[in-house]
């Protein structure tokens, strides 16, 4: 998942414009643009509601009912929780900083500082963050895991409290990047110690080969669905390694800490070390730390090569070449692209334009398909075979990888002089590169399915804010409230291709009758639209 749309590995070096390409949502764009005063008023009213009504100690979850009686992150949350996983508290802090830059209004800086303080208060004692923080204390966290978490059938990462931090889904990296950006804003000594602590945590958790585990400190005593703890494996899934490399690059620029360069290089080079040999020069989602062999993870993530991981890894190698001019990062890209094309699905098996199987069997290049049976976390299980029938709804069996775009980018980079690439790299050009003025252009792919295409029509956005100060949103995702543990006997019905099992399954699912509520993601999208309009109109008043 790539939450806030920042160009990977260039985020501390290249400013990101606030405006974004029009989306389908502005097909009927209004003709009368709001005034500057209307933009400012709408931004402030919406922010006051989020800060003064929705927030918990300056932090946020993903969505709320209008009366705040129920709220959700990826799973249902309690009023004492804040969500770290995007689009959560760090993303809100980033948009507050953007609003401060666009308006010069100290209210937004104060809101960003409150979000940072909430994040710092929610850090794990050993460093980093879990998916959420619960200010009601360890007992409340334990109670949540024993009820909501344990019974979320498909949400295996939430089924027990690992007791450590996660790098999954850009939670820890996203929080660190926001606090680093806030520190760089004014070099406030309140945040200097936090930044130094975060850098130390990333360095400590990096394997000598260059990658990072999904969770740290390591918890080898856990057995996950009959298999060893997968969270200790070197992880590429959801850009765990790439996001940590990106953070170290940003920290190096802000702190001027030359020692981080070696860790950055190891983080880049682990992509070279893990690429498969011929005839399968692709990548898996994760690797054993000792010998860097492909490994499985959750019970619906078998030991296999993954086409989306391969496409992502190719893109990262091209990024690394642009940053370094080192031709090693280009050397085996053609082999990886050729392998991708060799495993493309027959036309009859292509789903929604997704031409590649998610998983490819090691040694045979056969497509693997994951299925499930049962009705809840107690009686249900996942299994793997070669049949595409009855696929999982919550974990796509096929993927879209734009191999042609990757090929074209490779050809363009290959034609360039490596010395010229290095000379123009922001890592080596000798010029200062401040943090970006605007970080939030738009939300990218997140686990929050309540976030839809951004509306770039400012008049509609201004008019849509209600009297209470929030934008009504269809909460397409809901969950069953905890109602006790699941039965060992499957409930009648076929749950093989559903997002949720029986009524005891607390996993999120698409609500056939969505209610109207408050969406943090929609707030972020709409604020980005208004900030872009304000900036285009001249920004901060002189």
Protein backbone atom coordinates (compact mmCIF):
# COMPACT_ATOMS: atom_id res chain seq x y z
CA UNK A 1 0.00 0.00 0.00
CA UNK A 2 1.24 3.49 -0.76
CA UNK A 3 -0.74 5.87 1.37
CA UNK A 4 0.04 9.55 0.90
CA UNK A 5 1.26 10.15 -2.62
CA UNK A 6 4.94 11.02 -2.19
CA UNK A 7 7.43 9.94 -4.86
CA UNK A 8 9.33 7.07 -3.27
CA UNK A 9 12.96 7.85 -2.43
CA UNK A 10 12.71 11.46 -3.53
CA UNK A 11 10.35 12.73 -0.88
CA UNK A 12 12.86 14.73 1.10
CA UNK A 13 14.51 16.04 -2.00
CA UNK A 14 11.86 17.17 -4.46
CA UNK A 15 8.88 19.35 -3.59
CA UNK A 16 5.50 17.76 -4.27
CA UNK A 17 2.88 20.07 -5.80
CA UNK A 18 -0.38 20.34 -3.95
CA UNK A 19 -2.46 20.05 -7.11
CA UNK A 20 -3.21 16.73 -8.72
CA UNK A 21 -4.66 15.62 -12.01
CA UNK A 22 -8.45 15.92 -12.24
CA UNK A 23 -10.35 12.82 -11.24
CA UNK A 24 -13.62 11.49 -12.59
CA UNK A 25 -15.30 13.23 -9.66
CA UNK A 26 -15.03 16.62 -11.39
CA UNK A 27 -16.82 15.61 -14.54
CA UNK A 28 -19.50 18.21 -13.70
CA UNK A 29 -17.17 20.90 -12.38
CA UNK A 30 -18.73 24.11 -11.13
CA UNK A 31 -18.12 27.33 -13.02
CA UNK A 32 -17.90 29.72 -10.04
CA UNK A 33 -14.67 29.41 -8.09
CA UNK A 34 -14.83 30.04 -4.34
CA UNK A 35 -13.22 33.21 -3.03
CA UNK A 36 -10.05 33.10 -0.98
CA UNK A 37 -12.10 33.89 2.12
CA UNK A 38 -14.44 30.97 1.40
CA UNK A 39 -11.49 28.61 1.00
CA UNK A 40 -9.96 29.75 4.28
CA UNK A 41 -13.27 29.55 6.14
CA UNK A 42 -14.02 26.04 4.87
CA UNK A 43 -10.54 24.77 5.74
CA UNK A 44 -10.72 26.22 9.24
CA UNK A 45 -14.22 24.95 10.04
CA UNK A 46 -13.39 21.45 8.83
CA UNK A 47 -10.15 21.41 10.78
CA UNK A 48 -11.73 22.73 13.97
CA UNK A 49 -14.20 19.85 13.90
CA UNK A 50 -11.50 17.23 13.41
CA UNK A 51 -9.17 18.74 16.02
CA UNK A 52 -11.71 19.72 18.65
CA UNK A 53 -14.40 17.06 18.25
CA UNK A 54 -13.10 13.96 16.46
CA UNK A 55 -9.54 13.68 17.74
CA UNK A 56 -8.34 11.69 20.75
CA UNK A 57 -5.47 13.58 22.37
CA UNK A 58 -4.57 14.96 18.95
CA UNK A 59 -4.78 11.62 17.14
CA UNK A 60 -7.32 10.13 14.74
CA UNK A 61 -8.83 6.92 13.43
CA UNK A 62 -10.15 6.35 9.89
CA UNK A 63 -13.90 6.89 10.20
CA UNK A 64 -16.63 7.72 12.69
CA UNK A 65 -20.39 7.60 12.94
CA UNK A 66 -21.85 11.13 13.12
CA UNK A 67 -22.39 10.89 16.89
CA UNK A 68 -18.92 9.32 17.35
CA UNK A 69 -20.53 6.27 18.97
CA UNK A 70 -18.61 3.88 16.72
CA UNK A 71 -15.31 4.39 14.99
CA UNK A 72 -12.94 2.36 12.87
CA UNK A 73 -9.36 2.07 11.79
CA UNK A 74 -8.80 -1.02 9.68
CA UNK A 75 -10.85 -2.74 12.39
CA UNK A 76 -13.34 -1.30 14.84
CA UNK A 77 -11.63 0.99 17.35
CA UNK A 78 -12.44 2.29 20.80
CA UNK A 79 -12.66 5.98 21.81
CA UNK A 80 -9.27 5.76 23.54
CA UNK A 81 -7.49 4.59 20.36
CA UNK A 82 -5.69 6.48 17.63
CA UNK A 83 -4.72 4.82 14.36
CA UNK A 84 -1.13 4.98 13.08
CA UNK A 85 -1.66 2.99 9.88
CA UNK A 86 -2.57 5.39 7.03
CA UNK A 87 -4.77 7.26 6.52
CA UNK A 88 -4.33 8.00 10.20
CA UNK A 89 -2.67 10.35 12.62
CA UNK A 90 0.59 10.99 10.74
CA UNK A 91 -1.28 11.73 7.51
CA UNK A 92 -3.44 14.22 9.40
CA UNK A 93 -0.29 15.86 10.74
CA UNK A 94 1.10 16.15 7.23
CA UNK A 95 -2.02 17.86 5.89
CA UNK A 96 -2.01 20.24 8.87
CA UNK A 97 1.55 21.24 7.96
CA UNK A 98 0.47 21.73 4.36
CA UNK A 99 -2.38 23.96 5.50
CA UNK A 100 0.04 25.94 7.66
CA UNK A 101 2.28 26.52 4.64
CA UNK A 102 -0.67 27.56 2.50
CA UNK A 103 -2.20 29.94 5.04
CA UNK A 104 0.45 30.96 7.57
CA UNK A 105 -2.17 30.28 10.26
CA UNK A 106 -0.57 29.03 13.48
CA UNK A 107 -3.73 27.03 14.28
CA UNK A 108 -2.62 24.44 11.73
CA UNK A 109 0.91 24.26 13.07
CA UNK A 110 -0.51 23.69 16.56
CA UNK A 111 -2.76 20.92 15.19
CA UNK A 112 0.27 19.28 13.57
CA UNK A 113 2.19 19.52 16.83
CA UNK A 114 -0.71 17.91 18.70
CA UNK A 115 -0.72 15.04 16.19
CA UNK A 116 3.03 14.60 16.67
CA UNK A 117 2.65 14.64 20.43
CA UNK A 118 -0.07 11.98 20.19
CA UNK A 119 2.20 9.83 18.05
CA UNK A 120 5.13 10.22 20.42
CA UNK A 121 2.89 9.32 23.37
CA UNK A 122 1.76 6.22 21.44
CA UNK A 123 5.23 4.91 20.58
CA UNK A 124 6.10 1.43 21.73
CA UNK A 125 8.50 1.42 24.72
CA UNK A 126 11.03 -0.41 22.55
CA UNK A 127 10.56 1.98 19.62
CA UNK A 128 8.30 2.39 16.61
CA UNK A 129 4.54 1.96 16.45
CA UNK A 130 1.89 -0.71 16.26
CA UNK A 131 -1.04 -0.23 13.87
CA UNK A 132 -2.74 1.76 16.62
CA UNK A 133 -2.08 3.18 20.06
CA UNK A 134 -4.54 2.91 22.96
CA UNK A 135 -4.28 5.61 25.60
CA UNK A 136 -6.43 3.58 28.00
CA UNK A 137 -3.38 1.44 28.72
CA UNK A 138 -2.16 -2.14 28.29
CA UNK A 139 -5.29 -3.67 29.80
CA UNK A 140 -7.52 -2.02 27.23
CA UNK A 141 -5.19 -3.06 24.42
CA UNK A 142 -5.22 -6.63 25.68
CA UNK A 143 -9.04 -6.61 25.87
CA UNK A 144 -9.29 -5.36 22.28
CA UNK A 145 -6.96 -8.10 21.03
CA UNK A 146 -8.88 -10.74 22.98
CA UNK A 147 -12.14 -9.72 21.32
CA UNK A 148 -12.09 -7.68 18.11
CA UNK A 149 -8.58 -8.62 17.02
CA UNK A 150 -8.72 -12.33 17.78
CA UNK A 151 -11.97 -12.84 15.89
CA UNK A 152 -11.05 -11.02 12.67
CA UNK A 153 -10.72 -14.12 10.50
CA UNK A 154 -8.80 -12.66 7.56
CA UNK A 155 -6.91 -10.00 9.56
CA UNK A 156 -4.20 -12.30 10.83
CA UNK A 157 -1.82 -9.47 11.70
CA UNK A 158 -4.38 -8.34 14.31
CA UNK A 159 -5.19 -11.71 15.87
CA UNK A 160 -2.78 -11.34 18.77
CA UNK A 161 -0.69 -8.62 20.36
CA UNK A 162 2.84 -9.04 19.13
CA UNK A 163 4.07 -6.57 21.75
CA UNK A 164 6.34 -4.69 19.34
CA UNK A 165 6.29 -2.22 16.45
CA UNK A 166 5.34 -2.90 12.84
CA UNK A 167 6.84 -1.52 9.64
CA UNK A 168 3.82 -2.83 7.72
CA UNK A 169 1.56 -0.47 5.75
CA UNK A 170 3.81 2.58 6.20
CA UNK A 171 2.68 3.09 9.79
CA UNK A 172 6.02 3.43 11.54
CA UNK A 173 7.79 4.97 8.54
CA UNK A 174 4.92 7.39 7.95
CA UNK A 175 4.92 8.53 11.57
CA UNK A 176 8.70 8.99 11.54
CA UNK A 177 8.58 10.98 8.30
CA UNK A 178 5.93 13.33 9.66
CA UNK A 179 7.80 13.98 12.90
CA UNK A 180 11.03 14.52 10.94
CA UNK A 181 9.26 17.05 8.71
CA UNK A 182 7.78 18.81 11.74
CA UNK A 183 11.22 19.00 13.34
CA UNK A 184 12.75 20.37 10.13
CA UNK A 185 10.09 23.10 10.04
CA UNK A 186 11.49 25.01 13.04
CA UNK A 187 14.21 22.75 14.47
CA UNK A 188 12.10 22.59 17.60
CA UNK A 189 14.20 20.86 20.28
CA UNK A 190 11.02 19.14 21.54
CA UNK A 191 11.23 16.86 18.51
CA UNK A 192 14.98 16.48 18.14
CA UNK A 193 15.19 13.63 20.64
CA UNK A 194 12.29 11.85 18.96
CA UNK A 195 13.96 12.11 15.54
CA UNK A 196 17.25 10.77 16.90
CA UNK A 197 15.37 7.92 18.60
CA UNK A 198 13.59 7.03 15.35
CA UNK A 199 16.81 6.99 13.33
CA UNK A 200 18.40 4.73 15.94
CA UNK A 201 15.39 2.40 15.78
CA UNK A 202 15.61 2.04 11.99
CA UNK A 203 19.35 1.40 12.16
CA UNK A 204 19.01 -1.13 14.97
CA UNK A 205 16.25 -3.05 13.19
CA UNK A 206 18.08 -3.34 9.85
CA UNK A 207 19.56 -6.73 9.07
CA UNK A 208 23.23 -6.86 8.12
CA UNK A 209 22.18 -7.91 4.60
CA UNK A 210 20.23 -4.68 4.29
CA UNK A 211 16.53 -5.47 4.70
CA UNK A 212 14.13 -5.03 7.58
CA UNK A 213 11.74 -7.38 9.38
CA UNK A 214 8.04 -6.63 9.30
CA UNK A 215 8.02 -6.22 13.09
CA UNK A 216 10.73 -5.27 15.58
CA UNK A 217 12.05 -6.14 18.15
CA UNK A 218 11.90 -9.72 16.94
CA UNK A 219 9.41 -12.08 18.60
CA UNK A 220 10.52 -15.55 17.60
CA UNK A 221 8.37 -17.31 20.20
CA UNK A 222 5.18 -16.77 18.21
CA UNK A 223 3.89 -19.60 16.06
CA UNK A 224 1.52 -18.33 13.37
CA UNK A 225 -1.11 -20.78 12.16
CA UNK A 226 1.29 -23.66 12.73
CA UNK A 227 4.27 -21.92 11.11
CA UNK A 228 7.18 -19.96 12.59
CA UNK A 229 6.74 -16.24 13.15
CA UNK A 230 6.83 -14.61 9.72
CA UNK A 231 7.24 -11.08 11.06
CA UNK A 232 10.98 -11.60 11.53
CA UNK A 233 11.50 -12.19 7.80
CA UNK A 234 13.11 -9.62 5.50
CA UNK A 235 10.02 -7.92 4.10
CA UNK A 236 9.33 -6.22 0.76
CA UNK A 237 5.55 -6.49 1.05
CA UNK A 238 3.86 -3.08 1.34
CA UNK A 239 7.21 -1.40 0.71
CA UNK A 240 8.61 -2.12 4.18
CA UNK A 241 12.22 -1.98 3.03
CA UNK A 242 11.73 0.84 0.51
CA UNK A 243 9.97 3.08 3.04
CA UNK A 244 12.80 2.65 5.55
CA UNK A 245 15.37 3.48 2.88
CA UNK A 246 13.31 6.54 2.03
CA UNK A 247 13.17 7.62 5.66
CA UNK A 248 16.93 7.30 6.07
CA UNK A 249 17.50 9.43 2.97
CA UNK A 250 15.23 12.12 4.41
CA UNK A 251 16.91 11.95 7.81
CA UNK A 252 20.35 12.18 6.25
CA UNK A 253 19.36 15.40 4.47
CA UNK A 254 17.75 16.97 7.54
CA UNK A 255 20.36 15.92 10.10
CA UNK A 256 23.45 15.94 7.89
CA UNK A 257 24.31 12.54 9.31
CA UNK A 258 26.79 10.91 6.93
CA UNK A 259 26.69 7.56 8.72
CA UNK A 260 23.23 6.90 7.31
CA UNK A 261 24.59 6.52 3.78
CA UNK A 262 25.91 3.02 4.45
CA UNK A 263 22.54 1.87 5.76
CA UNK A 264 20.81 3.37 2.72
CA UNK A 265 23.16 1.49 0.41
CA UNK A 266 22.54 -1.82 2.23
CA UNK A 267 18.81 -1.21 1.98
CA UNK A 268 19.11 -0.73 -1.77
CA UNK A 269 21.45 -3.66 -2.28
CA UNK A 270 19.19 -6.20 -0.56
CA UNK A 271 17.02 -6.04 -3.69
CA UNK A 272 20.00 -7.32 -5.69
CA UNK A 273 20.77 -10.04 -3.15
CA UNK A 274 17.24 -11.42 -3.12
CA UNK A 275 16.44 -11.44 -6.83
CA UNK A 276 15.97 -15.03 -7.94
CA UNK A 277 18.44 -16.73 -10.21
CA UNK A 278 17.59 -17.93 -13.68
CA UNK A 279 15.11 -19.21 -14.71
CA UNK A 280 13.01 -17.36 -12.06
CA UNK A 281 14.60 -13.93 -11.58
CA UNK A 282 11.65 -12.49 -9.65
CA UNK A 283 11.02 -11.58 -6.03
CA UNK A 284 8.92 -12.93 -3.18
CA UNK A 285 7.09 -10.87 -0.57
CA UNK A 286 9.53 -11.83 2.18
CA UNK A 287 12.74 -13.77 2.79
CA UNK A 288 14.35 -15.74 5.60
CA UNK A 289 16.89 -13.44 7.28
CA UNK A 290 19.74 -15.93 7.53
CA UNK A 291 19.96 -17.21 3.97
CA UNK A 292 17.60 -14.82 2.08
CA UNK A 293 15.35 -17.56 0.73
CA UNK A 294 11.71 -16.90 -0.24
CA UNK A 295 9.33 -17.45 2.66
CA UNK A 296 5.61 -17.48 3.34
CA UNK A 297 3.88 -15.08 5.70
CA UNK A 298 0.18 -14.98 6.58
CA UNK A 299 -1.59 -18.26 5.89
CA UNK A 300 -2.91 -16.84 2.60
CA UNK A 301 0.61 -15.77 1.53
CA UNK A 302 2.40 -18.99 0.52
CA UNK A 303 6.10 -19.45 -0.04
CA UNK A 304 6.24 -18.36 -3.67
CA UNK A 305 7.34 -15.61 -6.00
CA UNK A 306 4.90 -12.72 -6.30
CA UNK A 307 4.31 -10.79 -9.51
CA UNK A 308 3.29 -7.54 -7.79
CA UNK A 309 6.35 -7.74 -5.56
CA UNK A 310 8.46 -8.27 -8.67
CA UNK A 311 6.95 -5.27 -10.45
CA UNK A 312 7.52 -3.15 -7.34
CA UNK A 313 11.12 -4.34 -6.97
CA UNK A 314 11.88 -3.48 -10.60
CA UNK A 315 10.55 0.01 -10.00
CA UNK A 316 12.71 0.38 -6.91
CA UNK A 317 15.83 -0.71 -8.81
CA UNK A 318 15.12 1.98 -11.38
CA UNK A 319 14.68 4.50 -8.55
CA UNK A 320 18.00 3.44 -7.06
CA UNK A 321 19.76 3.87 -10.37
CA UNK A 322 18.38 7.39 -10.69
CA UNK A 323 19.70 8.15 -7.22
CA UNK A 324 23.14 6.64 -7.66
CA UNK A 325 24.03 6.10 -11.32
CA UNK A 326 25.13 2.61 -10.25
CA UNK A 327 24.58 0.27 -13.21
CA UNK A 328 24.27 -2.77 -10.92
CA UNK A 329 20.67 -1.72 -10.33
CA UNK A 330 19.91 -2.03 -14.05
CA UNK A 331 21.86 -5.17 -14.82
CA UNK A 332 19.15 -7.79 -14.26
CA UNK A 333 16.05 -5.70 -14.88
CA UNK A 334 15.63 -7.18 -18.41
CA UNK A 335 15.68 -10.70 -16.97
CA UNK A 336 13.03 -9.80 -14.40
CA UNK A 337 10.80 -8.23 -17.04
CA UNK A 338 11.17 -11.23 -19.31
CA UNK A 339 10.22 -13.54 -16.45
CA UNK A 340 7.15 -11.44 -15.66
CA UNK A 341 5.96 -11.71 -19.25
CA UNK A 342 6.57 -15.46 -19.22
CA UNK A 343 4.07 -16.01 -16.40
CA UNK A 344 1.28 -13.84 -17.84
CA UNK A 345 -2.09 -15.56 -17.56
CA UNK A 346 -4.02 -16.93 -20.54
CA UNK A 347 -6.65 -14.47 -21.73
CA UNK A 348 -9.48 -16.54 -20.28
CA UNK A 349 -8.09 -16.22 -16.74
CA UNK A 350 -7.52 -12.45 -16.77
CA UNK A 351 -9.70 -10.71 -14.16
CA UNK A 352 -10.53 -7.00 -14.43
CA UNK A 353 -7.49 -6.34 -16.60
CA UNK A 354 -5.17 -8.06 -14.12
CA UNK A 355 -2.96 -10.16 -16.35
CA UNK A 356 -0.63 -11.82 -13.84
CA UNK A 357 -1.21 -14.42 -11.13
CA UNK A 358 -0.45 -13.07 -7.67
CA UNK A 359 1.67 -16.08 -6.69
CA UNK A 360 3.96 -18.22 -8.83
CA UNK A 361 5.25 -21.57 -7.63
CA UNK A 362 8.98 -21.85 -7.06
CA UNK A 363 10.64 -24.18 -9.52
CA UNK A 364 7.67 -24.67 -11.85
CA UNK A 365 6.32 -21.19 -12.74
CA UNK A 366 2.78 -22.51 -12.19
CA UNK A 367 0.21 -20.05 -10.87
CA UNK A 368 -0.85 -20.70 -7.28
CA UNK A 369 -4.30 -19.85 -5.97
CA UNK A 370 -5.33 -19.40 -2.35
CA UNK A 371 -8.76 -20.48 -1.08
CA UNK A 372 -10.54 -20.77 2.23
CA UNK A 373 -13.16 -22.95 3.87
CA UNK A 374 -15.15 -22.64 7.07
CA UNK A 375 -17.00 -19.64 8.46
CA UNK A 376 -14.86 -17.96 11.14
CA UNK A 377 -11.41 -17.79 12.67
CA UNK A 378 -12.06 -20.83 14.88
CA UNK A 379 -13.20 -23.32 12.23
CA UNK A 380 -11.86 -21.68 9.09
CA UNK A 381 -8.61 -22.24 7.22
CA UNK A 382 -6.78 -21.19 4.05
CA UNK A 383 -5.25 -23.58 1.54
CA UNK A 384 -3.38 -23.37 -1.77
CA UNK A 385 -3.81 -25.23 -5.06
CA UNK A 386 -3.61 -24.65 -8.82
CA UNK A 387 -7.30 -23.96 -9.41
CA UNK A 388 -8.49 -20.37 -10.08
CA UNK A 389 -12.06 -21.22 -9.04
CA UNK A 390 -13.66 -19.60 -5.98
CA UNK A 391 -10.91 -17.03 -5.42
CA UNK A 392 -10.52 -14.94 -2.29
CA UNK A 393 -12.31 -11.61 -2.40
CA UNK A 394 -10.05 -9.95 0.18
CA UNK A 395 -6.72 -10.90 -1.43
CA UNK A 396 -6.69 -10.71 -5.19
CA UNK A 397 -5.53 -13.86 -7.02
CA UNK A 398 -4.38 -11.74 -9.97
CA UNK A 399 -2.39 -8.51 -10.34
CA UNK A 400 -1.94 -5.64 -12.75
CA UNK A 401 1.73 -4.94 -13.47
CA UNK A 402 2.58 -2.41 -16.18
CA UNK A 403 5.57 -4.24 -17.62
CA UNK A 404 5.57 -2.03 -20.72
CA UNK A 405 5.92 1.14 -18.63
CA UNK A 406 8.74 -0.44 -16.62
CA UNK A 407 10.41 -1.53 -19.85
CA UNK A 408 10.16 1.99 -21.29
CA UNK A 409 11.60 3.56 -18.17
CA UNK A 410 14.44 1.05 -18.16
CA UNK A 411 15.28 1.83 -21.80
CA UNK A 412 15.36 5.57 -21.09
CA UNK A 413 17.65 5.14 -18.09
CA UNK A 414 19.88 2.62 -19.87
CA UNK A 415 20.49 5.17 -22.64
CA UNK A 416 21.77 7.76 -20.16
CA UNK A 417 25.40 8.22 -19.17
CA UNK A 418 25.77 6.88 -15.60
CA UNK A 419 28.05 9.79 -14.72
CA UNK A 420 25.36 12.22 -15.86
CA UNK A 421 22.74 10.36 -13.82
CA UNK A 422 24.89 10.62 -10.73
CA UNK A 423 25.66 14.28 -11.38
CA UNK A 424 22.02 15.22 -11.44
CA UNK A 425 21.02 13.03 -8.50
CA UNK A 426 19.82 15.06 -5.52
CA UNK A 427 22.01 12.84 -3.34
CA UNK A 428 25.21 14.09 -4.97
CA UNK A 429 24.50 17.48 -6.55
CA UNK A 430 25.83 19.41 -3.55
CA UNK A 431 22.75 21.62 -3.22
CA UNK A 432 20.55 21.83 -0.14
CA UNK A 433 17.18 20.17 -0.56
CA UNK A 434 14.58 21.32 1.97
CA UNK A 435 11.62 19.22 2.95
CA UNK A 436 8.70 19.64 0.55
CA UNK A 437 6.40 22.61 1.00
CA UNK A 438 3.42 20.34 0.38
CA UNK A 439 3.48 16.64 1.20
CA UNK A 440 -0.12 15.65 0.53
CA UNK A 441 -1.07 15.69 -3.13
CA UNK A 442 -3.64 12.92 -2.80
CA UNK A 443 -4.13 9.64 -1.04
CA UNK A 444 -2.92 6.67 -3.01
CA UNK A 445 -3.86 3.05 -2.40
CA UNK A 446 -4.70 2.39 1.24
CA UNK A 447 -6.51 -0.31 3.17
CA UNK A 448 -9.32 2.20 3.84
CA UNK A 449 -11.98 1.45 1.24
CA UNK A 450 -14.04 4.43 2.38
CA UNK A 451 -11.60 6.66 0.48
CA UNK A 452 -12.72 7.22 -3.10
CA UNK A 453 -11.46 9.33 -5.99
CA UNK A 454 -10.59 12.87 -4.94
CA UNK A 455 -12.96 15.65 -5.96
CA UNK A 456 -10.92 18.50 -7.43
CA UNK A 457 -13.87 20.84 -7.90
CA UNK A 458 -13.31 23.39 -5.14
CA UNK A 459 -16.83 24.82 -5.34
CA UNK A 460 -18.35 21.39 -4.69
CA UNK A 461 -15.92 20.77 -1.85
CA UNK A 462 -16.72 24.11 -0.22
CA UNK A 463 -20.46 23.60 -0.61
CA UNK A 464 -20.30 20.04 0.72
CA UNK A 465 -19.09 20.89 4.22
CA UNK A 466 -22.07 20.58 6.57
CA UNK A 467 -23.09 22.86 9.42
CA UNK A 468 -21.26 20.72 11.98
CA UNK A 469 -17.99 21.11 10.08
CA UNK A 470 -17.52 17.73 8.42
CA UNK A 471 -17.98 16.36 4.93
CA UNK A 472 -20.69 13.66 4.83
CA UNK A 473 -19.23 10.43 3.49
CA UNK A 474 -20.77 7.09 2.63
CA UNK A 475 -19.03 4.68 4.99
CA UNK A 476 -18.87 1.79 2.55
CA UNK A 477 -17.01 -0.40 5.03
CA UNK A 478 -18.38 -1.69 8.29
CA UNK A 479 -17.85 -4.65 10.64
CA UNK A 480 -19.78 -6.91 12.94
CA UNK A 481 -19.50 -5.74 16.56
CA UNK A 482 -17.80 -8.28 18.78
CA UNK A 483 -20.42 -10.74 19.93
CA UNK A 484 -18.37 -13.59 21.35
CA UNK A 485 -15.94 -16.14 19.93
CA UNK A 486 -16.70 -18.16 16.84
CA UNK A 487 -18.16 -21.64 16.96
CA UNK A 488 -15.99 -24.66 16.11
CA UNK A 489 -18.85 -25.79 13.86
CA UNK A 490 -19.05 -23.88 10.57
CA UNK A 491 -22.15 -21.78 10.02
CA UNK A 492 -24.14 -22.92 6.97
CA UNK A 493 -23.24 -20.97 3.85
CA UNK A 494 -20.35 -20.42 1.48
CA UNK A 495 -17.80 -17.91 2.75
CA UNK A 496 -15.03 -18.86 0.32
CA UNK A 497 -15.21 -15.62 -1.65
CA UNK A 498 -16.63 -13.19 0.89
CA UNK A 499 -14.80 -10.47 2.81
CA UNK A 500 -16.36 -11.55 6.07
CA UNK A 501 -17.42 -14.86 7.57
CA UNK A 502 -20.30 -15.45 9.93
CA UNK A 503 -21.59 -12.90 12.45
CA UNK A 504 -18.72 -13.61 14.85
CA UNK A 505 -16.14 -12.48 12.28
CA UNK A 506 -15.02 -8.93 13.10
CA UNK A 507 -13.21 -8.42 9.78
CA UNK A 508 -14.26 -5.30 7.82
CA UNK A 509 -16.59 -5.81 4.87
CA UNK A 510 -18.48 -3.78 2.27
CA UNK A 511 -21.78 -2.60 3.74
CA UNK A 512 -24.72 -3.22 1.35
CA UNK A 513 -26.54 -0.32 3.07
CA UNK A 514 -23.78 2.15 3.91
CA UNK A 515 -24.46 4.80 6.50
CA UNK A 516 -23.33 8.41 6.30
CA UNK A 517 -20.44 9.31 8.55
CA UNK A 518 -17.14 11.09 8.99
CA UNK A 519 -14.09 10.00 7.00
CA UNK A 520 -10.56 11.05 7.88
CA UNK A 521 -9.48 10.12 4.37
CA UNK A 522 -12.13 12.38 2.84
CA UNK A 523 -11.00 15.24 5.08
CA UNK A 524 -7.43 14.76 3.85
CA UNK A 525 -8.49 14.61 0.19
CA UNK A 526 -10.70 17.69 0.44
CA UNK A 527 -8.10 19.68 2.33
CA UNK A 528 -5.57 18.84 -0.39
CA UNK A 529 -8.03 20.17 -2.98
CA UNK A 530 -8.59 23.40 -1.06
CA UNK A 531 -4.88 23.89 -0.35
CA UNK A 532 -4.13 23.47 -4.05
CA UNK A 533 -6.77 26.08 -4.93
CA UNK A 534 -5.51 28.48 -2.28
CA UNK A 535 -1.93 28.06 -3.40
CA UNK A 536 -2.90 28.64 -7.03
CA UNK A 537 -4.64 31.84 -5.96
CA UNK A 538 -1.49 33.21 -4.36
CA UNK A 539 -1.23 31.32 -1.10
CA UNK A 540 -0.44 33.18 2.09
CA UNK A 541 -1.80 36.72 2.12
CA UNK A 542 0.88 39.40 2.09
